[in-house]
Amino acid sequence: MILLDTHIWIWWVHGDDRLDVRLANRLSQVESQGLGVSVISCWEVAKLVEHGRLELPCPIPEWFEQALNYPGVRLLELTPEIAFESTCLPGDFHRDPADQIIVATARIHNIPLATVDTKILAYTHAETLPLN
């Protein structure tokens, strides 16, 4: 399984051109093994829509229904273990709580994270998905 950062999940289900072709191909290859989505990504999507930073083609509840049923997508719950891990990530990680939870989710599930977020990519204590 691979964990999708929020923007990767959005780009994946929309077939967005911002999703690098190499990464899209890699996701297609592992789709049958599962593409994890942290429950915090649902919150992030809702907040992006609320603040006018994301426009969806349908109402949020309908979008969630479709995006969470996209082939291979599996919703990963926020557990107490993940919540705790997000507060004590090793090394120096930035203070965005959603990113902390996403990184903690990847660490607890011991799965790589697909992202283009430079702050997460620079964080050496989380495995990120290589493009090749």
Protein backbone atom coordinates (compact mmCIF):
# COMPACT_ATOMS: atom_id res chain seq x y z
CA MET A 1 0.00 0.00 0.00
CA ILE A 2 1.00 3.58 -0.64
CA LEU A 3 -0.35 6.59 1.23
CA LEU A 4 -1.50 9.47 -0.97
CA ASP A 5 -0.94 13.01 0.22
CA THR A 6 -4.09 15.09 -0.14
CA HIS A 7 -3.04 16.85 -3.35
CA ILE A 8 -1.97 13.55 -4.94
CA TRP A 9 -5.36 12.00 -4.09
CA ILE A 10 -7.19 14.95 -5.68
CA TRP A 11 -4.97 14.91 -8.77
CA TRP A 12 -5.27 11.11 -9.08
CA VAL A 13 -9.07 10.97 -9.05
CA HIS A 14 -9.35 13.99 -11.37
CA GLY A 15 -6.68 12.85 -13.83
CA ASP A 16 -5.00 16.20 -13.25
CA ASP A 17 -2.01 17.10 -15.45
CA ARG A 18 -0.10 18.26 -12.37
CA LEU A 19 0.36 14.60 -11.42
CA ASP A 20 3.73 13.62 -12.85
CA VAL A 21 3.38 10.87 -15.47
CA ARG A 22 6.01 8.72 -13.71
CA LEU A 23 4.15 8.99 -10.40
CA ALA A 24 0.80 8.28 -12.08
CA ASN A 25 2.30 5.18 -13.69
CA ARG A 26 3.69 4.03 -10.34
CA LEU A 27 0.29 4.52 -8.67
CA SER A 28 -1.37 2.53 -11.45
CA GLN A 29 1.10 -0.30 -10.87
CA VAL A 30 0.31 -0.54 -7.14
CA GLU A 31 -3.39 0.33 -7.27
CA SER A 32 -4.39 -3.29 -6.62
CA GLN A 33 -2.27 -3.29 -3.43
CA GLY A 34 -4.10 -0.23 -2.13
CA LEU A 35 -3.83 3.53 -2.25
CA GLY A 36 -4.30 4.77 1.29
CA VAL A 37 -5.95 8.08 2.06
CA SER A 38 -5.77 9.49 5.57
CA VAL A 39 -9.08 10.63 7.00
CA ILE A 40 -7.39 14.01 7.61
CA SER A 41 -7.25 14.41 3.81
CA CYS A 42 -11.05 14.49 3.79
CA TRP A 43 -10.91 17.38 6.24
CA GLU A 44 -8.26 19.12 4.13
CA VAL A 45 -10.40 18.82 0.99
CA ALA A 46 -13.42 20.25 2.82
CA LYS A 47 -11.33 23.14 4.18
CA LEU A 48 -9.88 23.89 0.72
CA VAL A 49 -13.40 24.07 -0.70
CA GLU A 50 -14.60 26.17 2.25
CA HIS A 51 -11.83 28.72 1.66
CA GLY A 52 -12.30 28.79 -2.11
CA ARG A 53 -8.91 27.21 -2.84
CA LEU A 54 -10.42 24.12 -4.49
CA GLU A 55 -13.42 23.80 -6.75
CA LEU A 56 -14.97 20.37 -7.09
CA PRO A 57 -17.24 19.22 -9.94
CA CYS A 58 -19.98 18.22 -7.46
CA PRO A 59 -21.01 18.79 -3.82
CA ILE A 60 -18.45 17.64 -1.24
CA PRO A 61 -20.46 14.64 0.07
CA GLU A 62 -20.90 13.34 -3.48
CA TRP A 63 -17.22 13.98 -4.26
CA PHE A 64 -16.16 12.03 -1.15
CA GLU A 65 -18.43 9.15 -2.14
CA GLN A 66 -16.81 8.99 -5.58
CA ALA A 67 -13.21 9.70 -4.53
CA LEU A 68 -13.23 7.19 -1.68
CA ASN A 69 -14.65 4.53 -3.99
CA TYR A 70 -12.07 5.19 -6.69
CA PRO A 71 -10.26 1.95 -7.64
CA GLY A 72 -7.71 0.97 -5.01
CA VAL A 73 -8.47 3.83 -2.60
CA ARG A 74 -8.71 2.83 1.05
CA LEU A 75 -9.58 5.26 3.83
CA LEU A 76 -7.14 5.05 6.74
CA GLU A 77 -8.66 6.08 10.06
CA LEU A 78 -7.05 8.41 12.57
CA THR A 79 -6.13 6.20 15.50
CA PRO A 80 -4.84 7.23 18.94
CA GLU A 81 -1.47 5.77 17.93
CA ILE A 82 -1.32 7.99 14.83
CA ALA A 83 -2.48 11.03 16.82
CA PHE A 84 0.30 10.47 19.35
CA GLU A 85 2.94 9.79 16.68
CA SER A 86 2.02 13.08 14.96
CA THR A 87 2.98 14.98 18.12
CA CYS A 88 6.42 13.43 18.50
CA LEU A 89 7.81 12.96 15.01
CA PRO A 90 11.58 12.55 15.16
CA GLY A 91 13.87 15.22 13.80
CA ASP A 92 12.74 18.61 12.58
CA PHE A 93 9.33 18.65 10.89
CA HIS A 94 7.16 21.65 10.14
CA ARG A 95 4.12 22.50 12.23
CA ASP A 96 1.23 21.86 9.81
CA PRO A 97 -0.99 19.47 11.79
CA ALA A 98 -2.52 17.83 8.72
CA ASP A 99 0.92 17.07 7.30
CA GLN A 100 2.02 15.78 10.70
CA ILE A 101 -0.94 13.37 10.76
CA ILE A 102 -0.32 12.24 7.17
CA VAL A 103 3.36 11.59 7.87
CA ALA A 104 2.49 9.82 11.14
CA THR A 105 -0.04 7.68 9.26
CA ALA A 106 2.64 6.59 6.79
CA ARG A 107 5.07 5.86 9.61
CA ILE A 108 2.59 3.87 11.72
CA HIS A 109 1.41 1.82 8.72
CA ASN A 110 5.03 1.50 7.54
CA ILE A 111 4.11 2.52 3.99
CA PRO A 112 5.62 5.05 1.58
CA LEU A 113 3.96 8.40 1.03
CA ALA A 114 3.26 9.80 -2.44
CA THR A 115 3.72 13.56 -2.34
CA VAL A 116 5.31 16.47 -4.14
CA ASP A 117 5.32 18.59 -0.97
CA THR A 118 8.93 19.75 -0.66
CA LYS A 119 8.72 19.98 3.14
CA ILE A 120 7.66 16.35 3.39
CA LEU A 121 10.14 15.23 0.74
CA ALA A 122 12.94 16.90 2.72
CA TYR A 123 11.92 15.11 5.93
CA THR A 124 14.27 12.15 6.29
CA HIS A 125 12.13 10.25 8.81
CA ALA A 126 9.34 9.42 6.36
CA GLU A 127 9.61 7.14 3.36
CA THR A 128 8.41 8.89 0.24
CA LEU A 129 7.59 7.19 -3.02
CA PRO A 130 10.42 7.31 -5.55
CA LEU A 131 9.33 8.21 -9.05
CA ASN A 132 11.34 5.48 -10.76
